[in-house]
Amino acid sequence: MGLFKKMFFHKGKKNKQKKQVSKKQEQLGQSKNVPKGDIEKSLATNIDVIKETTGNSSDIIVRVIKMGREADITAAIIYTEGLVDDLTVKDFLIESAMKDTNEQNLENPNLALQVLKEKILPIGEVKELDCWEDLFTNLMTGQTIILVDGVSKALTANTRGGEKRQISESVTEISIRGPKDSFTETIRTNSALIRKRIKNPNLWLESMKIGKVTQTDVAIMYIKGIVNEKVVEEVRIRLKRINIDSILETGYIEQLIEDKTFTPFPTLFHTERPDVAAANLLEGRVAILVDGTPHVLLAPAVFIQFFQAVDDYYGRFDLSSALRFLRVLIFFISLVGPAIYIAATTFHQEMIPTPLVIALAAQRESVPFPAFVEAMIMEVTFEIIREAGVRLPRAIGQTVSFVGAIVLGQSAVQAGFVSPAMVIVVSITGIASFATPAYSIAISARLIRFIIMVMAATFGFYGCLMGILVMVIHLCSLRSFGMPYMTPLAPSIPANFGDTLVRKPIWKFKERPRLISQSNITRAGEHQRPQPPDHSHSQNENEKGEKNDS
């Protein structure tokens, strides 16, 4: 009896484990209806398997044709409508297979498949397949499948095409002087845009597929000889470790490969500008391209990188340095603006000039809330208006944001909920958060701002300082693919200070960032500073010549 119970329990445990494994496979997208094994010889059987697997989907086109001089060999051309270039399929595949084979003496189906591959099909990339998994993978990515009756193999031809968005100007990263093209949702278009700027055979591209269900094309791009090979290997390891059913955007990749998850700061840089991606590749970074999104990830990333605008490198260094320093100052204002106002009016009134204290006290006489509650009301209201403006259609959203901010601010002051000074502080803080070039770092400031406001309401200026110190310590502890996040400030690398808070002249960019590129850090030769000719010397020689002639 005990043995029976033991066997029954063991069997039940095994069945439970099998169910858990099966359930896990389904969660990972390992669909049971995808056939395994090799392709059958019977064309009718193969067509039935494809139709059954795809659920007789109307966009899976199956065209049966006759080939050979005697039209005695049957073949099928199968493709997914909308993912292929219709002109290529009709003119170069179907027409070639039907007409050009009429002159061929195809003795058997195997010979027919070989003739199609080597002599008939003018497509550049034609491969042989012998298993169902490869067939469906190619079919669902825009390839055209050719099956011949009596052959247990298939041909796949690269006919990718279909509707895609044209290259247009970047919406989120505006440049006054730089190029106007931006990445699209097609991975091959994006890699081509980078190659147009870096015409070098050492620009390498490695492709892979991630996502059990979506089978998303992902590629890493780097410049061999400049990039740090350890970083490339780390990127490969982290990407291959991803085991998920779908990858729909670079945000999925970013969250699955970042060094630290519990941080408000982004540890990967993303851009939709090809010139920005090319410039970072030339510094030794690795680009991660994902099909279906116009954003490209760049690793490793550093904190100061999020304050660099593309126009900084297209204009004069003195103006660019002033603007970059202004951006860092703006980020600091957006971080601690309301907190300083709360601390000053609540704990440290003696630090405010007397006329200003009297004016603030007169404004706050009718306000029933303390400064902290007043600031929280205005900040939350401002965030609601901003989120509504982003989510609504563009024409309506801009109107709602502009009118809503004016109406609510004026109404709140007249109703006595907030003081005019608080409206000014919150408005300056909100505008400052818009001036940060990178949207991802601006969101971080918006989140940390509330924490520092709580610290200021509790401890005054000491709370503000404590919050900033904790944030700096946290920033110094972050890593991006093993590289310190605060490089080159911490650890300090004086040779790379010329591209941090200020930007040195282009003719002084002699070395790449040391911790990013360690194999080839030289990027400019000596004596690159402009040296115009000495006109005074040539003028003296001309005057001497005129005297001699006279």
Protein backbone atom coordinates (compact mmCIF):
# COMPACT_ATOMS: atom_id res chain seq x y z
CA MET A 1 0.00 0.00 0.00
CA GLY A 2 2.83 2.37 0.88
CA LEU A 3 4.66 1.46 -2.34
CA PHE A 4 1.49 2.17 -4.34
CA LYS A 5 1.11 5.57 -2.69
CA LYS A 6 4.76 6.32 -3.37
CA MET A 7 4.42 5.36 -7.05
CA PHE A 8 1.19 7.33 -7.39
CA PHE A 9 2.75 10.38 -5.72
CA HIS A 10 5.88 10.12 -7.91
CA LYS A 11 3.74 9.81 -11.05
CA GLY A 12 1.62 12.78 -10.04
CA LYS A 13 4.74 14.79 -9.36
CA LYS A 14 6.12 13.91 -12.81
CA ASN A 15 2.85 14.89 -14.50
CA LYS A 16 2.86 18.16 -12.59
CA GLN A 17 6.45 18.86 -13.67
CA LYS A 18 5.54 18.07 -17.30
CA LYS A 19 2.59 20.43 -17.11
CA GLN A 20 4.82 23.16 -15.66
CA VAL A 21 7.41 22.65 -18.41
CA SER A 22 4.67 22.67 -21.06
CA LYS A 23 3.16 25.79 -19.56
CA LYS A 24 6.58 27.45 -19.45
CA GLN A 25 7.18 26.61 -23.11
CA GLU A 26 3.84 28.11 -24.06
CA GLN A 27 4.68 31.23 -22.07
CA LEU A 28 7.96 31.50 -23.99
CA GLY A 29 6.09 31.26 -27.27
CA GLN A 30 7.14 27.73 -28.25
CA SER A 31 3.93 27.03 -30.11
CA LYS A 32 3.01 23.36 -30.42
CA ASN A 33 1.45 23.68 -33.89
CA VAL A 34 4.75 24.55 -35.60
CA PRO A 35 5.86 21.29 -37.23
CA LYS A 36 9.23 19.79 -36.46
CA GLY A 37 11.54 17.78 -38.67
CA ASP A 38 12.28 17.85 -42.39
CA ILE A 39 10.19 19.03 -45.31
CA GLU A 40 8.18 16.30 -47.08
CA LYS A 41 8.66 15.31 -50.74
CA SER A 42 4.97 15.64 -51.61
CA LEU A 43 4.10 19.19 -52.66
CA ALA A 44 0.44 18.76 -51.74
CA THR A 45 1.39 17.61 -48.25
CA ASN A 46 3.76 20.53 -47.80
CA ILE A 47 1.13 23.05 -48.90
CA ASP A 48 -1.41 21.51 -46.50
CA VAL A 49 1.10 21.75 -43.63
CA ILE A 50 1.78 25.43 -44.39
CA LYS A 51 -1.93 26.28 -44.60
CA GLU A 52 -2.74 24.37 -41.44
CA THR A 53 0.13 25.93 -39.50
CA THR A 54 -0.78 29.48 -40.57
CA GLY A 55 -4.51 28.89 -40.03
CA ASN A 56 -5.37 29.39 -43.72
CA SER A 57 -4.43 33.06 -43.33
CA SER A 58 -5.49 35.08 -46.34
CA ASP A 59 -2.18 36.95 -46.56
CA ILE A 60 -0.20 33.72 -47.09
CA ILE A 61 -0.19 33.46 -50.90
CA VAL A 62 0.39 30.04 -52.52
CA ARG A 63 0.92 30.10 -56.30
CA VAL A 64 1.19 26.68 -57.98
CA ILE A 65 3.03 26.70 -61.35
CA LYS A 66 4.23 24.22 -63.99
CA MET A 67 7.89 24.12 -65.07
CA GLY A 68 9.99 22.43 -67.72
CA ARG A 69 9.77 21.97 -71.47
CA GLU A 70 6.96 19.44 -71.06
CA ALA A 71 5.38 21.29 -68.13
CA ASP A 72 5.55 18.07 -66.15
CA ILE A 73 7.13 19.44 -62.95
CA THR A 74 4.89 21.13 -60.40
CA ALA A 75 6.19 23.80 -58.06
CA ALA A 76 4.71 26.29 -55.61
CA ILE A 77 5.77 29.85 -54.82
CA ILE A 78 4.70 30.90 -51.32
CA TYR A 79 5.07 34.33 -49.73
CA THR A 80 3.45 36.64 -47.18
CA GLU A 81 1.58 39.50 -48.80
CA GLY A 82 2.62 42.89 -47.48
CA LEU A 83 6.09 41.74 -46.39
CA VAL A 84 7.49 41.18 -49.88
CA ASP A 85 8.21 43.39 -52.87
CA ASP A 86 5.37 42.43 -55.24
CA LEU A 87 7.30 43.50 -58.34
CA THR A 88 10.26 41.29 -57.44
CA VAL A 89 8.03 38.26 -56.77
CA LYS A 90 6.00 38.58 -59.96
CA ASP A 91 8.70 39.64 -62.45
CA PHE A 92 11.79 37.88 -61.14
CA LEU A 93 10.37 34.79 -59.48
CA ILE A 94 7.05 33.69 -60.96
CA GLU A 95 7.75 34.83 -64.52
CA SER A 96 11.31 33.45 -64.49
CA ALA A 97 10.21 30.11 -63.06
CA MET A 98 7.41 29.71 -65.62
CA LYS A 99 9.00 31.04 -68.83
CA ASP A 100 12.74 30.50 -68.48
CA THR A 101 12.33 26.85 -67.49
CA ASN A 102 10.39 26.11 -70.70
CA GLU A 103 13.70 25.98 -72.54
CA GLN A 104 15.28 23.65 -69.97
CA ASN A 105 15.14 19.88 -70.16
CA LEU A 106 14.38 19.15 -66.52
CA GLU A 107 14.79 15.40 -66.21
CA ASN A 108 13.83 15.16 -62.52
CA PRO A 109 12.60 17.43 -59.71
CA ASN A 110 16.04 17.57 -58.01
CA LEU A 111 17.56 18.91 -61.22
CA ALA A 112 14.72 21.45 -61.45
CA LEU A 113 15.53 22.78 -57.97
CA GLN A 114 19.21 23.05 -58.84
CA VAL A 115 18.53 24.83 -62.15
CA LEU A 116 16.26 27.32 -60.38
CA LYS A 117 18.95 28.12 -57.85
CA GLU A 118 21.93 28.35 -60.20
CA LYS A 119 20.56 29.51 -63.58
CA ILE A 120 17.02 30.82 -63.49
CA LEU A 121 16.42 33.01 -60.41
CA PRO A 122 18.06 36.44 -60.76
CA ILE A 123 17.60 37.27 -57.07
CA GLY A 124 20.84 37.98 -55.24
CA GLU A 125 20.30 35.82 -52.15
CA VAL A 126 18.94 32.29 -52.72
CA LYS A 127 19.38 29.54 -50.12
CA GLU A 128 18.30 25.94 -49.61
CA LEU A 129 16.18 24.85 -46.65
CA ASP A 130 15.39 21.35 -45.44
CA CYS A 131 13.48 21.80 -42.16
CA TRP A 132 10.13 23.34 -41.27
CA GLU A 133 11.43 25.71 -38.61
CA ASP A 134 13.74 27.48 -41.06
CA LEU A 135 10.98 27.58 -43.67
CA PHE A 136 8.48 29.34 -41.42
CA THR A 137 11.12 31.69 -40.05
CA ASN A 138 11.99 32.84 -43.57
CA LEU A 139 8.34 32.97 -44.68
CA MET A 140 7.37 35.28 -41.81
CA THR A 141 10.28 37.67 -42.42
CA GLY A 142 9.48 38.57 -46.02
CA GLN A 143 11.28 35.78 -47.85
CA THR A 144 9.64 33.86 -50.72
CA ILE A 145 9.61 30.05 -50.51
CA ILE A 146 9.83 27.80 -53.61
CA LEU A 147 8.77 24.15 -53.23
CA VAL A 148 9.10 21.52 -55.98
CA ASP A 149 7.02 18.38 -56.02
CA GLY A 150 9.17 15.33 -55.29
CA VAL A 151 11.95 17.25 -53.50
CA SER A 152 12.33 17.33 -49.72
CA LYS A 153 14.03 20.71 -49.84
CA ALA A 154 12.93 24.29 -50.45
CA LEU A 155 14.49 27.41 -51.89
CA THR A 156 14.22 30.77 -50.17
CA ALA A 157 14.72 34.02 -52.09
CA ASN A 158 15.25 37.42 -50.49
CA THR A 159 12.25 39.47 -51.60
CA ARG A 160 11.80 41.67 -48.53
CA GLY A 161 9.90 44.84 -49.20
CA GLY A 162 6.38 46.00 -48.57
CA GLU A 163 5.21 49.33 -47.23
CA LYS A 164 7.63 51.25 -45.03
CA ARG A 165 8.00 54.79 -43.77
CA GLN A 166 10.21 57.08 -45.77
CA ILE A 167 13.27 58.74 -44.24
CA SER A 168 12.18 62.01 -42.65
CA GLU A 169 13.41 64.65 -40.23
CA SER A 170 13.87 63.72 -36.59
CA VAL A 171 10.99 64.81 -34.35
CA THR A 172 12.56 64.39 -30.90
CA GLU A 173 16.16 65.48 -31.66
CA ILE A 174 15.99 68.78 -33.54
CA SER A 175 19.13 70.15 -35.17
CA ILE A 176 19.51 73.63 -36.65
CA ARG A 177 22.62 73.03 -38.71
CA GLY A 178 23.00 69.24 -38.89
CA PRO A 179 21.54 66.74 -41.40
CA LYS A 180 17.77 66.28 -41.48
CA ASP A 181 17.49 62.51 -41.96
CA SER A 182 16.60 60.13 -39.14
CA PHE A 183 16.22 56.42 -38.53
CA THR A 184 13.10 54.55 -39.64
CA GLU A 185 11.44 51.32 -38.50
CA THR A 186 13.48 49.20 -40.96
CA ILE A 187 16.74 47.80 -39.61
CA ARG A 188 18.44 47.60 -43.03
CA THR A 189 17.62 51.24 -43.76
CA ASN A 190 19.08 52.24 -40.40
CA SER A 191 22.33 50.33 -40.92
CA ALA A 192 22.62 51.86 -44.40
CA LEU A 193 22.23 55.38 -42.99
CA ILE A 194 25.17 54.73 -40.66
CA ARG A 195 27.27 53.19 -43.44
CA LYS A 196 26.73 56.29 -45.58
CA ARG A 197 28.60 58.24 -42.92
CA ILE A 198 31.28 55.69 -42.08
CA LYS A 199 32.53 54.24 -45.37
CA ASN A 200 34.93 51.78 -43.82
CA PRO A 201 35.09 47.98 -44.11
CA ASN A 202 35.94 47.80 -40.40
CA LEU A 203 32.37 48.82 -39.59
CA TRP A 204 31.03 45.38 -38.68
CA LEU A 205 27.41 44.28 -38.30
CA GLU A 206 26.32 41.14 -36.43
CA SER A 207 22.69 40.01 -36.69
CA MET A 208 20.57 37.75 -34.50
CA LYS A 209 16.92 37.04 -33.77
CA ILE A 210 15.44 37.63 -30.32
CA GLY A 211 11.92 36.78 -29.20
CA LYS A 212 10.39 33.32 -29.29
CA VAL A 213 7.18 34.57 -30.94
CA THR A 214 8.14 37.80 -32.68
CA GLN A 215 11.53 36.61 -34.00
CA THR A 216 12.69 40.23 -34.07
CA ASP A 217 15.82 41.09 -36.03
CA VAL A 218 18.44 42.62 -33.74
CA ALA A 219 21.91 43.71 -34.83
CA ILE A 220 25.00 45.09 -33.11
CA MET A 221 27.24 47.49 -34.99
CA TYR A 222 30.77 48.56 -34.10
CA ILE A 223 34.07 49.64 -35.67
CA LYS A 224 36.68 46.89 -35.46
CA GLY A 225 39.98 48.24 -34.18
CA ILE A 226 38.40 51.16 -32.31
CA VAL A 227 35.82 49.45 -30.10
CA ASN A 228 36.77 47.72 -26.87
CA GLU A 229 36.41 43.98 -27.62
CA LYS A 230 35.41 43.27 -24.02
CA VAL A 231 32.40 45.56 -24.38
CA VAL A 232 31.39 43.86 -27.65
CA GLU A 233 31.60 40.43 -26.04
CA GLU A 234 29.56 41.63 -23.05
CA VAL A 235 26.88 43.00 -25.40
CA ARG A 236 26.74 39.65 -27.21
CA ILE A 237 26.43 37.70 -23.96
CA ARG A 238 23.63 39.89 -22.61
CA LEU A 239 21.65 39.81 -25.85
CA LYS A 240 21.95 36.03 -26.23
CA ARG A 241 20.84 35.61 -22.63
CA ILE A 242 17.46 37.20 -23.38
CA ASN A 243 14.69 34.57 -23.25
CA ILE A 244 11.39 36.29 -23.87
CA ASP A 245 8.48 35.86 -26.26
CA SER A 246 8.48 39.34 -27.83
CA ILE A 247 10.76 42.28 -28.58
CA LEU A 248 8.73 45.20 -29.94
CA GLU A 249 11.02 48.17 -29.26
CA THR A 250 14.49 49.05 -28.03
CA GLY A 251 12.97 49.72 -24.60
CA TYR A 252 12.55 45.94 -24.17
CA ILE A 253 16.24 45.39 -24.93
CA GLU A 254 17.30 48.28 -22.71
CA GLN A 255 15.48 46.92 -19.67
CA LEU A 256 16.85 43.40 -20.19
CA ILE A 257 20.56 44.24 -20.60
CA GLU A 258 21.15 47.28 -18.37
CA ASP A 259 23.63 46.99 -15.49
CA LYS A 260 21.33 48.20 -12.74
CA THR A 261 17.53 48.06 -12.75
CA PHE A 262 16.61 50.06 -9.65
CA THR A 263 17.79 53.48 -10.75
CA PRO A 264 15.95 56.46 -12.22
CA PHE A 265 18.87 57.26 -14.52
CA PRO A 266 19.24 55.70 -17.98
CA THR A 267 22.39 53.60 -18.38
CA LEU A 268 21.97 53.23 -22.15
CA PHE A 269 21.78 56.11 -24.61
CA HIS A 270 19.22 56.02 -27.41
CA THR A 271 19.01 58.21 -30.49
CA GLU A 272 17.10 58.44 -33.76
CA ARG A 273 19.78 60.44 -35.57
CA PRO A 274 22.30 58.59 -37.80
CA ASP A 275 24.97 61.27 -37.31
CA VAL A 276 24.78 60.88 -33.53
CA ALA A 277 25.08 57.10 -33.85
CA ALA A 278 28.05 57.44 -36.23
CA ALA A 279 29.82 59.89 -33.90
CA ASN A 280 29.42 57.51 -30.95
CA LEU A 281 30.67 54.56 -33.01
CA LEU A 282 33.77 56.58 -33.85
CA GLU A 283 34.34 57.07 -30.13
CA GLY A 284 34.33 53.30 -29.62
CA ARG A 285 30.77 52.56 -28.59
CA VAL A 286 28.51 49.72 -29.73
CA ALA A 287 25.18 50.40 -31.48
CA ILE A 288 22.22 48.04 -31.00
CA LEU A 289 19.68 48.17 -33.84
CA VAL A 290 16.21 46.64 -33.49
CA ASP A 291 13.84 46.07 -36.39
CA GLY A 292 10.53 47.91 -36.03
CA THR A 293 11.76 50.96 -34.12
CA PRO A 294 13.44 54.23 -35.19
CA HIS A 295 15.64 54.35 -32.08
CA VAL A 296 19.15 52.91 -31.80
CA LEU A 297 20.76 52.04 -28.46
CA LEU A 298 24.37 53.05 -27.75
CA ALA A 299 26.56 51.41 -25.11
CA PRO A 300 28.31 52.19 -22.89
CA ALA A 301 26.70 55.47 -21.82
CA VAL A 302 27.98 58.17 -19.48
CA PHE A 303 26.10 60.82 -17.51
CA ILE A 304 27.50 63.87 -19.32
CA GLN A 305 26.51 62.33 -22.67
CA PHE A 306 22.85 63.17 -22.03
CA PHE A 307 23.63 66.91 -22.00
CA GLN A 308 25.39 66.91 -25.37
CA ALA A 309 23.33 68.19 -28.30
CA VAL A 310 24.25 67.38 -31.88
CA ASP A 311 24.65 71.08 -32.73
CA ASP A 312 27.44 71.34 -30.14
CA TYR A 313 29.84 69.81 -32.65
CA TYR A 314 28.61 71.70 -35.71
CA GLY A 315 29.12 75.20 -34.31
CA ARG A 316 31.94 77.21 -32.74
CA PHE A 317 33.39 75.81 -29.53
CA ASP A 318 32.90 78.97 -27.44
CA LEU A 319 29.18 79.22 -28.17
CA SER A 320 28.71 75.46 -27.81
CA SER A 321 30.52 75.48 -24.46
CA ALA A 322 28.32 78.27 -23.14
CA LEU A 323 25.14 76.47 -24.21
CA ARG A 324 26.26 73.15 -22.74
CA PHE A 325 27.11 74.78 -19.40
CA LEU A 326 23.68 76.41 -19.52
CA ARG A 327 22.06 72.99 -20.01
CA VAL A 328 23.80 71.58 -16.94
CA LEU A 329 22.66 74.62 -14.94
CA ILE A 330 19.13 74.18 -16.26
CA PHE A 331 19.15 70.53 -15.17
CA PHE A 332 20.18 71.61 -11.67
CA ILE A 333 17.37 74.21 -11.58
CA SER A 334 14.78 71.64 -12.72
CA LEU A 335 16.05 69.34 -9.98
CA VAL A 336 16.07 71.64 -6.92
CA GLY A 337 14.08 74.77 -7.93
CA PRO A 338 10.91 74.15 -5.85
CA ALA A 339 12.95 72.53 -3.05
CA ILE A 340 15.06 75.67 -2.57
CA TYR A 341 11.92 77.82 -2.45
CA ILE A 342 10.34 75.51 0.14
CA ALA A 343 13.47 75.45 2.31
CA ALA A 344 13.99 79.21 2.12
CA THR A 345 10.41 80.19 2.97
CA THR A 346 9.93 77.51 5.65
CA PHE A 347 13.26 77.30 7.54
CA HIS A 348 15.71 79.96 6.35
CA GLN A 349 13.80 83.25 6.01
CA GLU A 350 16.87 85.13 7.34
CA MET A 351 18.72 84.28 4.08
CA ILE A 352 16.14 86.15 1.97
CA PRO A 353 16.42 89.95 1.59
CA THR A 354 13.94 91.76 3.85
CA PRO A 355 11.89 93.48 1.08
CA LEU A 356 11.48 90.13 -0.67
CA VAL A 357 10.44 88.39 2.57
CA ILE A 358 7.76 91.03 3.16
CA ALA A 359 6.49 90.66 -0.42
CA LEU A 360 6.35 86.86 -0.13
CA ALA A 361 4.61 87.06 3.25
CA ALA A 362 2.00 89.41 1.80
CA GLN A 363 1.35 87.01 -1.10
CA ARG A 364 1.05 83.99 1.20
CA GLU A 365 -1.24 85.71 3.69
CA SER A 366 -4.39 84.34 2.03
CA VAL A 367 -2.92 80.92 1.12
CA PRO A 368 -4.18 78.25 3.58
CA PHE A 369 -1.46 75.66 2.80
CA PRO A 370 2.20 75.48 3.79
CA ALA A 371 4.80 75.97 1.06
CA PHE A 372 5.36 72.21 0.64
CA VAL A 373 1.68 71.41 0.03
CA GLU A 374 1.43 74.43 -2.24
CA ALA A 375 4.40 73.24 -4.31
CA MET A 376 3.08 69.66 -4.48
CA ILE A 377 -0.30 70.87 -5.77
CA MET A 378 1.30 72.96 -8.50
CA GLU A 379 3.86 70.30 -9.50
CA VAL A 380 1.26 67.53 -9.76
CA THR A 381 -1.04 69.85 -11.73
CA PHE A 382 1.78 70.76 -14.08
CA GLU A 383 2.63 67.07 -14.62
CA ILE A 384 -1.03 66.31 -15.42
CA ILE A 385 -1.14 69.09 -18.00
CA ARG A 386 2.15 67.94 -19.53
CA GLU A 387 1.02 64.30 -19.75
CA ALA A 388 -2.29 65.33 -21.29
CA GLY A 389 -0.47 67.43 -23.89
CA VAL A 390 1.77 64.51 -24.83
CA ARG A 391 -0.99 61.89 -25.14
CA LEU A 392 -3.53 64.00 -27.03
CA PRO A 393 -3.21 64.56 -30.79
CA ARG A 394 -0.51 67.10 -31.58
CA ALA A 395 -2.75 70.02 -32.62
CA ILE A 396 -5.07 69.55 -29.63
CA GLY A 397 -2.30 68.70 -27.17
CA GLN A 398 -0.38 71.93 -27.73
CA THR A 399 -3.53 73.97 -27.25
CA VAL A 400 -4.53 72.09 -24.08
CA SER A 401 -1.05 72.46 -22.57
CA PHE A 402 -0.78 76.17 -23.31
CA VAL A 403 -4.33 77.19 -22.38
CA GLY A 404 -4.52 74.78 -19.42
CA ALA A 405 -1.34 76.11 -17.83
CA ILE A 406 -2.45 79.75 -18.14
CA VAL A 407 -6.04 79.22 -17.00
CA LEU A 408 -5.21 76.93 -14.08
CA GLY A 409 -2.32 79.10 -12.88
CA GLN A 410 -4.38 82.29 -12.97
CA SER A 411 -7.40 80.62 -11.39
CA ALA A 412 -5.34 79.04 -8.60
CA VAL A 413 -3.85 82.43 -7.68
CA GLN A 414 -7.23 84.20 -7.72
CA ALA A 415 -8.82 81.42 -5.63
CA GLY A 416 -6.08 81.70 -3.02
CA PHE A 417 -4.80 78.13 -3.35
CA VAL A 418 -1.26 79.16 -4.31
CA SER A 419 0.80 82.32 -4.28
CA PRO A 420 2.05 84.08 -7.44
CA ALA A 421 5.67 83.39 -6.43
CA MET A 422 5.00 79.63 -6.37
CA VAL A 423 3.48 79.79 -9.84
CA ILE A 424 6.65 81.52 -11.08
CA VAL A 425 8.94 78.94 -9.44
CA VAL A 426 7.00 75.96 -10.79
CA SER A 427 6.80 77.52 -14.27
CA ILE A 428 10.55 78.14 -14.42
CA THR A 429 11.18 74.60 -13.21
CA GLY A 430 8.84 73.11 -15.81
CA ILE A 431 10.38 75.09 -18.66
CA ALA A 432 13.87 74.13 -17.47
CA SER A 433 12.98 70.43 -17.67
CA PHE A 434 12.07 70.90 -21.35
CA ALA A 435 15.50 72.37 -22.17
CA THR A 436 17.39 69.12 -21.47
CA PRO A 437 18.39 67.53 -24.81
CA ALA A 438 17.74 63.92 -23.71
CA TYR A 439 14.15 63.12 -22.76
CA SER A 440 15.21 60.13 -20.64
CA ILE A 441 17.35 62.24 -18.28
CA ALA A 442 14.64 64.93 -18.06
CA ILE A 443 12.17 62.33 -16.76
CA SER A 444 14.72 61.34 -14.10
CA ALA A 445 14.91 64.94 -12.91
CA ARG A 446 11.11 65.15 -12.74
CA LEU A 447 11.01 62.10 -10.46
CA ILE A 448 13.91 63.04 -8.18
CA ARG A 449 12.51 66.57 -7.82
CA PHE A 450 9.67 65.29 -5.61
CA ILE A 451 12.09 63.40 -3.34
CA ILE A 452 14.26 66.49 -2.83
CA MET A 453 11.12 68.56 -2.14
CA VAL A 454 10.22 66.16 0.70
CA MET A 455 13.76 66.41 2.07
CA ALA A 456 13.63 70.22 1.90
CA ALA A 457 10.28 70.34 3.69
CA THR A 458 11.73 68.15 6.45
CA PHE A 459 15.27 69.45 6.98
CA GLY A 460 15.50 72.68 4.95
CA PHE A 461 18.68 73.39 3.02
CA TYR A 462 20.35 70.51 4.85
CA GLY A 463 17.75 68.20 3.33
CA CYS A 464 18.43 69.62 -0.16
CA LEU A 465 22.15 69.08 0.26
CA MET A 466 21.60 65.60 1.67
CA GLY A 467 19.39 64.64 -1.29
CA ILE A 468 21.96 65.95 -3.83
CA LEU A 469 24.80 64.09 -2.07
CA VAL A 470 22.84 60.82 -2.09
CA MET A 471 22.10 61.33 -5.80
CA VAL A 472 25.79 61.98 -6.60
CA ILE A 473 26.87 58.90 -4.61
CA HIS A 474 24.29 56.85 -6.49
CA LEU A 475 25.52 58.20 -9.83
CA CYS A 476 29.12 57.31 -8.94
CA SER A 477 28.04 53.75 -8.14
CA LEU A 478 26.40 53.17 -11.51
CA ARG A 479 28.04 51.25 -14.34
CA SER A 480 27.21 50.98 -18.02
CA PHE A 481 28.61 47.71 -19.39
CA GLY A 482 31.29 47.85 -16.72
CA MET A 483 32.33 51.44 -17.37
CA PRO A 484 31.86 54.05 -14.59
CA TYR A 485 28.78 56.17 -15.29
CA MET A 486 30.40 59.45 -14.23
CA THR A 487 33.43 59.06 -16.52
CA PRO A 488 35.54 61.21 -17.03
CA LEU A 489 34.61 63.17 -13.90
CA ALA A 490 34.73 60.19 -11.52
CA PRO A 491 37.16 58.54 -12.00
CA SER A 492 38.92 61.72 -13.02
CA ILE A 493 40.53 61.65 -16.48
CA PRO A 494 41.82 65.19 -17.16
CA ALA A 495 42.67 64.35 -20.79
CA ASN A 496 38.95 63.91 -21.53
CA PHE A 497 37.67 66.99 -19.66
CA GLY A 498 37.42 68.88 -22.95
CA ASP A 499 34.08 67.28 -23.81
CA THR A 500 32.21 67.48 -20.50
CA LEU A 501 30.78 70.70 -19.03
CA VAL A 502 32.41 72.64 -21.86
CA ARG A 503 33.51 71.65 -25.36
CA LYS A 504 37.03 72.29 -26.54
CA PRO A 505 37.77 73.14 -30.20
CA ILE A 506 37.55 70.38 -32.80
CA TRP A 507 41.26 70.73 -33.60
CA LYS A 508 42.00 69.72 -29.99
CA PHE A 509 40.07 66.42 -30.17
CA LYS A 510 43.23 64.33 -30.52
CA GLU A 511 42.16 61.33 -28.43
CA ARG A 512 39.05 59.22 -28.01
CA PRO A 513 37.58 58.70 -24.51
CA ARG A 514 40.15 56.50 -22.77
CA LEU A 515 37.82 54.13 -20.91
CA ILE A 516 35.56 53.60 -23.94
CA SER A 517 38.20 52.93 -26.60
CA GLN A 518 41.42 51.43 -25.29
CA SER A 519 42.99 49.93 -28.42
CA ASN A 520 43.07 52.96 -30.75
CA ILE A 521 42.64 56.25 -28.92
CA THR A 522 44.30 58.57 -31.45
CA ARG A 523 41.81 60.22 -33.79
CA ALA A 524 43.63 63.33 -35.02
CA GLY A 525 47.16 64.21 -36.04
CA GLU A 526 49.40 66.98 -34.79
CA HIS A 527 49.23 70.64 -35.88
CA GLN A 528 45.51 70.66 -36.65
CA ARG A 529 44.98 74.21 -35.39
CA PRO A 530 44.18 76.60 -38.26
CA GLN A 531 47.23 78.62 -39.26
CA PRO A 532 46.43 81.23 -41.91
CA PRO A 533 49.32 82.62 -44.01
CA ASP A 534 51.20 85.71 -42.84
CA HIS A 535 49.73 88.44 -45.07
CA SER A 536 52.00 91.12 -43.63
CA HIS A 537 55.10 89.22 -44.82
CA SER A 538 53.73 88.79 -48.34
CA GLN A 539 52.67 92.47 -48.42
CA ASN A 540 56.21 93.59 -47.52
CA GLU A 541 57.62 91.47 -50.34
CA ASN A 542 55.16 93.03 -52.81
CA GLU A 543 56.18 96.55 -51.72
CA LYS A 544 59.88 95.70 -52.22
CA GLY A 545 59.14 94.37 -55.68
CA GLU A 546 57.29 97.55 -56.64
CA LYS A 547 60.24 99.69 -55.48
CA ASN A 548 62.68 97.64 -57.49
CA ASP A 549 60.50 97.98 -60.60
CA SER A 550 60.38 101.74 -60.18
